[in-house]
C-alpha atoms as a PDB file:
ATOM      1  CA  MET A   1     -30.085   5.673   7.457  1.00  0.00           C
ATOM      2  CA  GLU A   2     -29.364   9.036   5.900  1.00  0.00           C
ATOM      3  CA  THR A   3     -29.224   8.611   2.255  1.00  0.00           C
ATOM      4  CA  LEU A   4     -31.513   5.620   1.433  1.00  0.00           C
ATOM      5  CA  ARG A   5     -34.523   3.380   2.788  1.00  0.00           C
ATOM      6  CA  THR A   6     -35.417  -0.230   2.431  1.00  0.00           C
ATOM      7  CA  GLU A   7     -38.617  -2.051   2.246  1.00  0.00           C
ATOM      8  CA  THR A   8     -39.536  -5.731   1.278  1.00  0.00           C
ATOM      9  CA  ALA A   9     -42.481  -7.192  -0.422  1.00  0.00           C
ATOM     10  CA  ARG A  10     -43.298 -10.480  -2.482  1.00  0.00           C
ATOM     11  CA  GLY A  11     -39.682 -11.536  -2.258  1.00  0.00           C
ATOM     12  CA  VAL A  12     -38.105  -8.334  -3.522  1.00  0.00           C
ATOM     13  CA  ARG A  13     -35.719  -5.954  -1.356  1.00  0.00           C
ATOM     14  CA  HIS A  14     -36.395  -2.469  -2.375  1.00  0.00           C
ATOM     15  CA  ILE A  15     -33.286  -0.306  -1.782  1.00  0.00           C
ATOM     16  CA  VAL A  16     -34.313   3.429  -2.555  1.00  0.00           C
ATOM     17  CA  LEU A  17     -31.871   6.303  -2.735  1.00  0.00           C
ATOM     18  CA  SER A  18     -33.741   9.164  -0.705  1.00  0.00           C
ATOM     19  CA  ARG A  19     -31.625  12.267  -1.174  1.00  0.00           C
ATOM     20  CA  ALA A  20     -33.865  13.589  -3.936  1.00  0.00           C
ATOM     21  CA  ASP A  21     -32.977  17.290  -3.007  1.00  0.00           C
ATOM     22  CA  ALA A  22     -29.414  16.424  -3.846  1.00  0.00           C
ATOM     23  CA  TYR A  23     -30.024  14.499  -7.081  1.00  0.00           C
ATOM     24  CA  ASN A  24     -29.152  11.299  -4.890  1.00  0.00           C
ATOM     25  CA  THR A  25     -25.276  12.200  -5.453  1.00  0.00           C
ATOM     26  CA  ILE A  26     -22.713   9.891  -4.007  1.00  0.00           C
ATOM     27  CA  THR A  27     -21.262  10.694  -0.582  1.00  0.00           C
ATOM     28  CA  PRO A  28     -19.277   8.459   1.861  1.00  0.00           C
ATOM     29  CA  THR A  29     -22.278   7.986   3.726  1.00  0.00           C
ATOM     30  CA  LEU A  30     -24.329   6.702   0.815  1.00  0.00           C
ATOM     31  CA  ARG A  31     -21.343   4.387   0.017  1.00  0.00           C
ATOM     32  CA  ASP A  32     -21.421   2.801   3.473  1.00  0.00           C
ATOM     33  CA  GLU A  33     -25.179   2.572   3.794  1.00  0.00           C
ATOM     34  CA  LEU A  34     -25.519   1.114   0.239  1.00  0.00           C
ATOM     35  CA  ALA A  35     -22.954  -1.486   1.149  1.00  0.00           C
ATOM     36  CA  ALA A  36     -24.731  -2.552   4.235  1.00  0.00           C
ATOM     37  CA  ALA A  37     -28.179  -2.557   2.480  1.00  0.00           C
ATOM     38  CA  VAL A  38     -27.100  -4.874  -0.330  1.00  0.00           C
ATOM     39  CA  ASP A  39     -25.199  -7.224   2.082  1.00  0.00           C
ATOM     40  CA  ALA A  40     -28.248  -7.389   4.373  1.00  0.00           C
ATOM     41  CA  ALA A  41     -30.659  -8.192   1.370  1.00  0.00           C
ATOM     42  CA  ASP A  42     -28.241 -10.925   0.008  1.00  0.00           C
ATOM     43  CA  ALA A  43     -28.158 -12.468   3.622  1.00  0.00           C
ATOM     44  CA  ASP A  44     -31.950 -12.320   3.898  1.00  0.00           C
ATOM     45  CA  ARG A  45     -33.567 -15.702   3.423  1.00  0.00           C
ATOM     46  CA  ASP A  46     -37.007 -13.945   2.525  1.00  0.00           C
ATOM     47  CA  VAL A  47     -35.451 -11.934  -0.262  1.00  0.00           C
ATOM     48  CA  ARG A  48     -34.942 -13.316  -3.749  1.00  0.00           C
ATOM     49  CA  VAL A  49     -34.242 -10.223  -5.813  1.00  0.00           C
ATOM     50  CA  ILE A  50     -32.944  -6.835  -4.951  1.00  0.00           C
ATOM     51  CA  LEU A  51     -34.420  -3.698  -6.702  1.00  0.00           C
ATOM     52  CA  LEU A  52     -32.384  -0.413  -6.629  1.00  0.00           C
ATOM     53  CA  ARG A  53     -34.493   2.768  -7.385  1.00  0.00           C
ATOM     54  CA  ALA A  54     -34.419   6.380  -6.271  1.00  0.00           C
ATOM     55  CA  GLU A  55     -36.873   9.059  -5.303  1.00  0.00           C
ATOM     56  CA  GLY A  56     -36.880  12.494  -7.064  1.00  0.00           C
ATOM     57  CA  ARG A  57     -36.058  13.851 -10.456  1.00  0.00           C
ATOM     58  CA  ALA A  58     -32.672  11.998 -10.854  1.00  0.00           C
ATOM     59  CA  PHE A  59     -31.516   8.630  -9.895  1.00  0.00           C
ATOM     60  CA  CYS A  60     -28.016   9.623  -9.307  1.00  0.00           C
ATOM     61  CA  ALA A  61     -26.089  12.728 -10.718  1.00  0.00           C
ATOM     62  CA  GLY A  62     -22.686  11.246  -9.942  1.00  0.00           C
ATOM     63  CA  TYR A  63     -20.450  12.161  -7.050  1.00  0.00           C
ATOM     64  CA  GLY A  64     -20.991  15.015  -4.826  1.00  0.00           C
ATOM     65  CA  LEU A  65     -18.532  17.402  -6.315  1.00  0.00           C
ATOM     66  CA  ASP A  66     -18.735  19.772  -3.387  1.00  0.00           C
ATOM     67  CA  TRP A  67     -17.019  17.351  -1.062  1.00  0.00           C
ATOM     68  CA  SER A  68     -14.854  15.391  -3.513  1.00  0.00           C
ATOM     69  CA  THR A  69     -13.357  18.614  -5.155  1.00  0.00           C
ATOM     70  CA  GLU A  70     -12.921  20.055  -1.737  1.00  0.00           C
ATOM     71  CA  ALA A  71     -11.202  16.989  -0.437  1.00  0.00           C
ATOM     72  CA  GLN A  72      -8.755  17.073  -3.237  1.00  0.00           C
ATOM     73  CA  ALA A  73      -8.013  20.758  -2.795  1.00  0.00           C
ATOM     74  CA  ARG A  74      -7.343  20.218   0.823  1.00  0.00           C
ATOM     75  CA  ALA A  75      -4.804  17.394  -0.079  1.00  0.00           C
ATOM     76  CA  GLU A  76      -2.960  19.665  -2.367  1.00  0.00           C
ATOM     77  CA  GLN A  77      -2.823  22.407   0.089  1.00  0.00           C
ATOM     78  CA  ALA A  78      -1.366  20.042   2.683  1.00  0.00           C
ATOM     79  CA  SER A  79       1.261  19.047   0.132  1.00  0.00           C
ATOM     80  CA  ASP A  80       2.114  22.730  -0.218  1.00  0.00           C
ATOM     81  CA  ALA A  81       2.409  23.132   3.345  1.00  0.00           C
ATOM     82  CA  ASP A  82       4.728  20.278   3.750  1.00  0.00           C
ATOM     83  CA  ALA A  83       7.288  21.478   1.345  1.00  0.00           C
ATOM     84  CA  PRO A  84      10.655  22.183   2.895  1.00  0.00           C
ATOM     85  CA  SER A  85      12.341  25.428   2.931  1.00  0.00           C
ATOM     86  CA  ARG A  86      14.982  26.239   0.336  1.00  0.00           C
ATOM     87  CA  SER A  87      17.349  26.759   3.158  1.00  0.00           C
ATOM     88  CA  GLY A  88      16.373  23.473   4.909  1.00  0.00           C
ATOM     89  CA  PRO A  89      19.177  21.594   6.775  1.00  0.00           C
ATOM     90  CA  ALA A  90      19.348  18.732   4.469  1.00  0.00           C
ATOM     91  CA  PRO A  91      17.925  17.531   1.299  1.00  0.00           C
ATOM     92  CA  TRP A  92      14.846  14.909   1.161  1.00  0.00           C
ATOM     93  CA  ARG A  93      15.733  11.339   0.915  1.00  0.00           C
ATOM     94  CA  PRO A  94      13.516   8.384   0.044  1.00  0.00           C
ATOM     95  CA  GLY A  95      11.748   7.272   3.411  1.00  0.00           C
ATOM     96  CA  ASP A  96      12.246  10.641   5.055  1.00  0.00           C
ATOM     97  CA  GLY A  97       8.736  11.778   4.546  1.00  0.00           C
ATOM     98  CA  GLU A  98       8.659  14.510   7.428  1.00  0.00           C
ATOM     99  CA  ARG A  99      11.361  16.495   5.293  1.00  0.00           C
ATOM    100  CA  GLY A 100       9.803  16.350   1.702  1.00  0.00           C
ATOM    101  CA  PRO A 101       6.807  17.584   0.196  1.00  0.00           C
ATOM    102  CA  ARG A 102       3.656  15.417   0.261  1.00  0.00           C
ATOM    103  CA  VAL A 103       2.778  14.391  -3.443  1.00  0.00           C
ATOM    104  CA  TRP A 104      -0.173  12.345  -4.695  1.00  0.00           C
ATOM    105  CA  ASP A 105      -0.188   9.055  -3.123  1.00  0.00           C
ATOM    106  CA  SER A 106      -1.540   6.722  -6.021  1.00  0.00           C
ATOM    107  CA  VAL A 107      -1.874   3.707  -3.543  1.00  0.00           C
ATOM    108  CA  ALA A 108      -3.747   5.690  -1.164  1.00  0.00           C
ATOM    109  CA  ASP A 109      -5.885   7.140  -3.752  1.00  0.00           C
ATOM    110  CA  GLN A 110      -6.721   3.643  -5.160  1.00  0.00           C
ATOM    111  CA  ARG A 111      -7.700   2.545  -1.678  1.00  0.00           C
ATOM    112  CA  MET A 112     -10.039   5.596  -1.262  1.00  0.00           C
ATOM    113  CA  ILE A 113     -11.830   5.359  -4.605  1.00  0.00           C
ATOM    114  CA  GLY A 114     -11.509   1.414  -4.277  1.00  0.00           C
ATOM    115  CA  GLY A 115     -13.952   1.608  -1.193  1.00  0.00           C
ATOM    116  CA  PHE A 116     -16.530   2.954  -3.444  1.00  0.00           C
ATOM    117  CA  VAL A 117     -15.808   0.507  -6.263  1.00  0.00           C
ATOM    118  CA  ASP A 118     -16.394  -2.374  -3.994  1.00  0.00           C
ATOM    119  CA  THR A 119     -19.666  -1.117  -3.086  1.00  0.00           C
ATOM    120  CA  TYR A 120     -20.893  -0.874  -6.449  1.00  0.00           C
ATOM    121  CA  MET A 121     -19.474  -4.480  -7.102  1.00  0.00           C
ATOM    122  CA  LYS A 122     -21.744  -5.799  -4.527  1.00  0.00           C
ATOM    123  CA  LEU A 123     -24.424  -5.326  -6.787  1.00  0.00           C
ATOM    124  CA  TRP A 124     -22.726  -7.452  -9.454  1.00  0.00           C
ATOM    125  CA  TYR A 125     -21.372 -10.116  -6.944  1.00  0.00           C
ATOM    126  CA  ALA A 126     -24.500 -10.298  -4.669  1.00  0.00           C
ATOM    127  CA  ARG A 127     -25.598 -13.870  -5.197  1.00  0.00           C
ATOM    128  CA  LYS A 128     -29.241 -12.853  -5.904  1.00  0.00           C
ATOM    129  CA  PRO A 129     -30.274 -10.788  -8.962  1.00  0.00           C
ATOM    130  CA  THR A 130     -29.840  -7.035  -8.880  1.00  0.00           C
ATOM    131  CA  LEU A 131     -32.315  -4.810 -10.864  1.00  0.00           C
ATOM    132  CA  ALA A 132     -32.241  -0.879 -11.172  1.00  0.00           C
ATOM    133  CA  ALA A 133     -34.946   1.348 -12.077  1.00  0.00           C
ATOM    134  CA  VAL A 134     -33.456   4.606 -13.232  1.00  0.00           C
ATOM    135  CA  GLN A 135     -35.191   7.953 -13.817  1.00  0.00           C
ATOM    136  CA  GLY A 136     -33.691  11.240 -14.862  1.00  0.00           C
ATOM    137  CA  TRP A 137     -30.043  11.742 -14.658  1.00  0.00           C
ATOM    138  CA  CYS A 138     -27.704   8.752 -14.202  1.00  0.00           C
ATOM    139  CA  ILE A 139     -24.275  10.226 -15.048  1.00  0.00           C
ATOM    140  CA  GLY A 140     -20.744  10.048 -13.883  1.00  0.00           C
ATOM    141  CA  GLY A 141     -20.181   7.829 -10.713  1.00  0.00           C
ATOM    142  CA  GLY A 142     -24.045   6.914 -11.112  1.00  0.00           C
ATOM    143  CA  THR A 143     -23.262   4.850 -14.116  1.00  0.00           C
ATOM    144  CA  ASP A 144     -20.391   3.240 -12.165  1.00  0.00           C
ATOM    145  CA  MET A 145     -22.996   1.997  -9.780  1.00  0.00           C
ATOM    146  CA  VAL A 146     -26.199   1.293 -11.948  1.00  0.00           C
ATOM    147  CA  LEU A 147     -24.274  -0.696 -14.579  1.00  0.00           C
ATOM    148  CA  CYS A 148     -22.977  -3.239 -11.750  1.00  0.00           C
ATOM    149  CA  CYS A 149     -26.789  -4.280 -11.578  1.00  0.00           C
ATOM    150  CA  ASP A 150     -27.832  -7.283 -13.580  1.00  0.00           C
ATOM    151  CA  LEU A 151     -30.490  -5.606 -15.466  1.00  0.00           C
ATOM    152  CA  VAL A 152     -31.353  -1.781 -15.996  1.00  0.00           C
ATOM    153  CA  VAL A 153     -34.824  -0.575 -16.814  1.00  0.00           C
ATOM    154  CA  ALA A 154     -35.195   3.391 -17.502  1.00  0.00           C
ATOM    155  CA  GLY A 155     -37.993   5.691 -17.847  1.00  0.00           C
ATOM    156  CA  ALA A 156     -38.278   7.429 -21.186  1.00  0.00           C
ATOM    157  CA  GLY A 157     -36.779  10.635 -19.850  1.00  0.00           C
ATOM    158  CA  ALA A 158     -33.735   9.318 -18.331  1.00  0.00           C
ATOM    159  CA  SER A 159     -30.153  10.131 -19.585  1.00  0.00           C
ATOM    160  CA  PHE A 160     -26.982   8.295 -18.928  1.00  0.00           C
ATOM    161  CA  GLY A 161     -23.295   9.448 -19.663  1.00  0.00           C
ATOM    162  CA  TYR A 162     -19.814   9.988 -18.245  1.00  0.00           C
ATOM    163  CA  PRO A 163     -18.936  13.475 -18.503  1.00  0.00           C
ATOM    164  CA  PRO A 164     -15.841  13.139 -16.368  1.00  0.00           C
ATOM    165  CA  SER A 165     -14.310  11.360 -19.390  1.00  0.00           C
ATOM    166  CA  ARG A 166     -13.740  14.854 -20.617  1.00  0.00           C
ATOM    167  CA  VAL A 167     -11.639  15.790 -17.705  1.00  0.00           C
ATOM    168  CA  TRP A 168     -11.227  14.512 -14.020  1.00  0.00           C
ATOM    169  CA  GLY A 169     -12.261  10.914 -14.095  1.00  0.00           C
ATOM    170  CA  THR A 170     -12.486   7.511 -15.930  1.00  0.00           C
ATOM    171  CA  PRO A 171     -15.314   4.773 -15.178  1.00  0.00           C
ATOM    172  CA  THR A 172     -13.938   2.928 -12.109  1.00  0.00           C
ATOM    173  CA  THR A 173     -16.021  -0.094 -12.487  1.00  0.00           C
ATOM    174  CA  ALA A 174     -15.103  -0.294 -16.219  1.00  0.00           C
ATOM    175  CA  MET A 175     -18.608  -2.127 -17.108  1.00  0.00           C
ATOM    176  CA  TRP A 176     -19.045  -0.082 -20.386  1.00  0.00           C
ATOM    177  CA  VAL A 177     -17.346  -2.605 -22.811  1.00  0.00           C
ATOM    178  CA  TYR A 178     -19.070  -5.475 -21.204  1.00  0.00           C
ATOM    179  CA  ARG A 179     -22.524  -3.878 -21.520  1.00  0.00           C
ATOM    180  CA  MET A 180     -22.603  -2.261 -25.092  1.00  0.00           C
ATOM    181  CA  GLY A 181     -19.394  -3.760 -26.945  1.00  0.00           C
ATOM    182  CA  LEU A 182     -16.179  -2.380 -27.746  1.00  0.00           C
ATOM    183  CA  GLU A 183     -16.821   0.515 -30.466  1.00  0.00           C
ATOM    184  CA  ARG A 184     -19.878   1.958 -28.801  1.00  0.00           C
ATOM    185  CA  ALA A 185     -18.296   2.208 -25.523  1.00  0.00           C
ATOM    186  CA  LYS A 186     -15.383   4.085 -27.231  1.00  0.00           C
ATOM    187  CA  ARG A 187     -17.947   6.340 -28.846  1.00  0.00           C
ATOM    188  CA  TYR A 188     -19.386   7.526 -25.806  1.00  0.00           C
ATOM    189  CA  LEU A 189     -16.379   7.659 -23.459  1.00  0.00           C
ATOM    190  CA  LEU A 190     -14.056   9.415 -26.029  1.00  0.00           C
ATOM    191  CA  THR A 191     -16.838  12.235 -26.254  1.00  0.00           C
ATOM    192  CA  GLY A 192     -18.416  12.019 -22.921  1.00  0.00           C
ATOM    193  CA  ASP A 193     -21.763  12.674 -24.912  1.00  0.00           C
ATOM    194  CA  GLU A 194     -25.109  12.098 -23.113  1.00  0.00           C
ATOM    195  CA  ILE A 195     -26.971   9.082 -23.868  1.00  0.00           C
ATOM    196  CA  PRO A 196     -30.800   9.500 -23.901  1.00  0.00           C
ATOM    197  CA  ALA A 197     -32.518   6.464 -22.619  1.00  0.00           C
ATOM    198  CA  ARG A 198     -33.870   5.106 -25.738  1.00  0.00           C
ATOM    199  CA  THR A 199     -30.401   5.180 -27.319  1.00  0.00           C
ATOM    200  CA  ALA A 200     -28.896   3.402 -24.173  1.00  0.00           C
ATOM    201  CA  ALA A 201     -31.630   0.639 -24.807  1.00  0.00           C
ATOM    202  CA  GLU A 202     -30.664   0.439 -28.557  1.00  0.00           C
ATOM    203  CA  ILE A 203     -27.023  -0.045 -27.922  1.00  0.00           C
ATOM    204  CA  GLY A 204     -27.400  -2.555 -25.245  1.00  0.00           C
ATOM    205  CA  MET A 205     -26.149  -0.243 -22.255  1.00  0.00           C
ATOM    206  CA  ILE A 206     -29.618  -1.053 -20.409  1.00  0.00           C
ATOM    207  CA  LEU A 207     -32.434  -3.543 -20.680  1.00  0.00           C
ATOM    208  CA  GLU A 208     -35.484  -1.343 -21.916  1.00  0.00           C
ATOM    209  CA  VAL A 209     -37.215   1.849 -21.656  1.00  0.00           C
ATOM    210  CA  VAL A 210     -40.875   2.355 -20.272  1.00  0.00           C
ATOM    211  CA  PRO A 211     -42.871   5.614 -19.950  1.00  0.00           C
ATOM    212  CA  ASP A 212     -41.611   7.470 -16.748  1.00  0.00           C
ATOM    213  CA  ASP A 213     -45.130   7.376 -15.154  1.00  0.00           C
ATOM    214  CA  ALA A 214     -44.806   3.563 -15.343  1.00  0.00           C
ATOM    215  CA  LEU A 215     -41.197   2.795 -14.481  1.00  0.00           C
ATOM    216  CA  ARG A 216     -41.952   1.914 -10.603  1.00  0.00           C
ATOM    217  CA  ASP A 217     -44.654  -0.511 -11.463  1.00  0.00           C
ATOM    218  CA  HIS A 218     -42.865  -1.891 -14.467  1.00  0.00           C
ATOM    219  CA  ALA A 219     -39.519  -2.609 -12.694  1.00  0.00           C
ATOM    220  CA  THR A 220     -41.351  -3.901  -9.384  1.00  0.00           C
ATOM    221  CA  ALA A 221     -43.509  -6.508 -11.653  1.00  0.00           C
ATOM    222  CA  LEU A 222     -40.366  -7.504 -13.262  1.00  0.00           C
ATOM    223  CA  ALA A 223     -38.692  -8.189  -9.996  1.00  0.00           C
ATOM    224  CA  GLU A 224     -41.462  -9.978  -8.537  1.00  0.00           C
ATOM    225  CA  ARG A 225     -41.693 -12.122 -11.528  1.00  0.00           C
ATOM    226  CA  MET A 226     -38.196 -12.919 -11.224  1.00  0.00           C
ATOM    227  CA  ALA A 227     -38.656 -13.719  -7.508  1.00  0.00           C
ATOM    228  CA  GLN A 228     -41.026 -16.490  -8.475  1.00  0.00           C
ATOM    229  CA  VAL A 229     -38.104 -18.657  -9.406  1.00  0.00           C
ATOM    230  CA  PRO A 230     -36.321 -20.559  -6.518  1.00  0.00           C
ATOM    231  CA  VAL A 231     -33.495 -18.597  -5.238  1.00  0.00           C
ATOM    232  CA  ASN A 232     -31.096 -21.550  -5.827  1.00  0.00           C
ATOM    233  CA  GLN A 233     -31.778 -21.206  -9.620  1.00  0.00           C
ATOM    234  CA  LEU A 234     -31.489 -17.482  -9.595  1.00  0.00           C
ATOM    235  CA  VAL A 235     -27.934 -17.769  -7.885  1.00  0.00           C
ATOM    236  CA  MET A 236     -26.794 -20.559 -10.355  1.00  0.00           C
ATOM    237  CA  LEU A 237     -28.141 -18.653 -13.563  1.00  0.00           C
ATOM    238  CA  LYS A 238     -26.531 -15.270 -12.475  1.00  0.00           C
ATOM    239  CA  LEU A 239     -23.248 -16.737 -11.716  1.00  0.00           C
ATOM    240  CA  LEU A 240     -23.353 -18.607 -15.126  1.00  0.00           C
ATOM    241  CA  CYS A 241     -23.805 -15.250 -16.960  1.00  0.00           C
ATOM    242  CA  ASN A 242     -21.522 -13.138 -15.116  1.00  0.00           C
ATOM    243  CA  GLN A 243     -18.813 -15.737 -15.327  1.00  0.00           C
ATOM    244  CA  THR A 244     -18.514 -14.838 -19.159  1.00  0.00           C
ATOM    245  CA  ALA A 245     -17.590 -11.118 -18.337  1.00  0.00           C
ATOM    246  CA  GLU A 246     -15.199 -12.465 -15.414  1.00  0.00           C
ATOM    247  CA  ASN A 247     -13.470 -14.659 -18.155  1.00  0.00           C
ATOM    248  CA  MET A 248     -13.018 -11.839 -20.434  1.00  0.00           C
ATOM    249  CA  GLY A 249     -11.020  -9.914 -17.782  1.00  0.00           C
ATOM    250  CA  LEU A 250     -13.531  -7.774 -15.900  1.00  0.00           C
ATOM    251  CA  ALA A 251     -11.372  -7.653 -12.761  1.00  0.00           C
ATOM    252  CA  SER A 252      -8.173  -6.437 -14.501  1.00  0.00           C
ATOM    253  CA  SER A 253     -10.400  -3.841 -16.459  1.00  0.00           C
ATOM    254  CA  ARG A 254     -11.742  -2.536 -13.145  1.00  0.00           C
ATOM    255  CA  LEU A 255      -8.399  -2.286 -11.669  1.00  0.00           C
ATOM    256  CA  ALA A 256      -7.171  -0.101 -14.620  1.00  0.00           C
ATOM    257  CA  GLY A 257     -10.324   1.811 -14.386  1.00  0.00           C
ATOM    258  CA  THR A 258      -9.924   2.497 -10.655  1.00  0.00           C
ATOM    259  CA  LEU A 259      -6.165   3.519 -11.017  1.00  0.00           C
ATOM    260  CA  PHE A 260      -6.814   5.581 -14.279  1.00  0.00           C
ATOM    261  CA  ASP A 261      -9.613   7.519 -12.349  1.00  0.00           C
ATOM    262  CA  GLY A 262      -7.009   8.560  -9.783  1.00  0.00           C
ATOM    263  CA  ILE A 263      -4.444   9.581 -12.540  1.00  0.00           C
ATOM    264  CA  ALA A 264      -7.211  11.543 -14.257  1.00  0.00           C
ATOM    265  CA  ARG A 265      -7.999  13.586 -11.241  1.00  0.00           C
ATOM    266  CA  HIS A 266      -4.046  14.427 -10.899  1.00  0.00           C
ATOM    267  CA  THR A 267      -3.209  15.237 -14.506  1.00  0.00           C
ATOM    268  CA  GLN A 268      -2.614  19.102 -15.076  1.00  0.00           C
ATOM    269  CA  GLU A 269      -6.040  19.453 -16.705  1.00  0.00           C
ATOM    270  CA  GLY A 270      -7.681  17.558 -13.500  1.00  0.00           C
ATOM    271  CA  LEU A 271      -5.809  19.880 -11.253  1.00  0.00           C
ATOM    272  CA  ASP A 272      -7.036  22.888 -13.055  1.00  0.00           C
ATOM    273  CA  PHE A 273     -10.467  21.829 -12.824  1.00  0.00           C
ATOM    274  CA  VAL A 274     -10.247  21.455  -9.117  1.00  0.00           C
ATOM    275  CA  ARG A 275      -8.845  24.938  -8.765  1.00  0.00           C
ATOM    276  CA  ARG A 276     -11.368  26.423 -10.987  1.00  0.00           C
ATOM    277  CA  ALA A 277     -14.284  24.702  -8.909  1.00  0.00           C
ATOM    278  CA  GLY A 278     -12.587  26.361  -5.914  1.00  0.00           C
ATOM    279  CA  GLU A 279     -12.887  29.780  -7.441  1.00  0.00           C
ATOM    280  CA  VAL A 280     -16.229  29.688  -9.113  1.00  0.00           C
ATOM    281  CA  GLY A 281     -17.916  26.676  -7.337  1.00  0.00           C
ATOM    282  CA  PHE A 282     -18.249  23.124  -8.720  1.00  0.00           C
ATOM    283  CA  ARG A 283     -21.550  23.587 -10.563  1.00  0.00           C
ATOM    284  CA  GLU A 284     -20.134  26.446 -12.672  1.00  0.00           C
ATOM    285  CA  ALA A 285     -16.733  24.477 -13.173  1.00  0.00           C
ATOM    286  CA  VAL A 286     -18.912  21.666 -14.645  1.00  0.00           C
ATOM    287  CA  ARG A 287     -20.994  23.921 -16.655  1.00  0.00           C
ATOM    288  CA  GLU A 288     -17.839  25.328 -18.369  1.00  0.00           C
ATOM    289  CA  ARG A 289     -16.429  21.968 -18.960  1.00  0.00           C
ATOM    290  CA  ASP A 290     -19.845  20.663 -20.664  1.00  0.00           C
ATOM    291  CA  ALA A 291     -21.808  23.571 -21.702  1.00  0.00           C
ATOM    292  CA  ALA A 292     -19.511  25.694 -24.071  1.00  0.00           C
ATOM    293  CA  PRO A 293     -17.760  22.882 -26.069  1.00  0.00           C
ATOM    294  CA  PHE A 294     -20.623  20.131 -26.009  1.00  0.00           C
ATOM    295  CA  SER A 295     -23.898  21.785 -25.068  1.00  0.00           C
ATOM    296  CA  ASP A 296     -25.271  18.831 -23.113  1.00  0.00           C
ATOM    297  CA  TYR A 297     -25.962  17.626 -19.528  1.00  0.00           C
ATOM    298  CA  GLY A 298     -28.635  20.281 -18.712  1.00  0.00           C
ATOM    299  CA  SER A 299     -26.916  23.186 -20.607  1.00  0.00           C
ATOM    300  CA  ARG A 300     -29.610  23.306 -23.270  1.00  0.00           C
ATOM    301  CA  LYS A 301     -33.451  22.656 -23.599  1.00  0.00           C
ATOM    302  CA  ARG A 302     -34.153  18.872 -23.707  1.00  0.00           C
END
């Protein structure tokens, strides 16, 4: 595997994101390898609990904007190239795709981003409990992933947030309201503000905060404590708790989040963001989005 590694001890399968130099950003390869790792752990009779953690200074800094903005820009260029000449022989008609310009395909987009969402939701729908240990940044798509875990423990220096809510995205797994309640979810999504770990614990976004240097041992000890319970009990209790969120409409919220994410990436502001990233690089485009008006996510001393 290129993006993660696994190990098993005392009934706990550790899935460890291992692209520390890239802040464990999300790529199609990570999506596929994480899906396979969760499936394998859930099927292994020697595993009772799944612990997701990461190497390096960040748990996950969201999607790799280098490949994702470039992919969208290439799609737009292809659309422009497919546009017919004004002197073409006949106007475009529905179903005559070769003659007309290719525009954004919402169904294809939903299928593409839905592949990532399906992977994250494996952490939610796995029969066995899933626990995440978060250090450093866990933002954007990283929160889509980690909030699907049953429990989240963070180091004191960790930070959460969804800066793409300012432009170019919405939370695809739509877990925010279910984790922290309606008003607090609105408070942080309508601003995109950074959420320090201690605040995240206070508002119910995550379970608890521990010193950074104790994070791995603490999360491992909690996972191993859970693993002492018979697996059939763990499966039933997890399902009993998760069913409440399902009855509240989690599936429909997730569908709306996935569709709105595609729409947000194709608004005028979203398209402008992609073009700006092509001009100055995605890091500078993100800095311009977050630093000047909001002064957060690494743009100031912490």
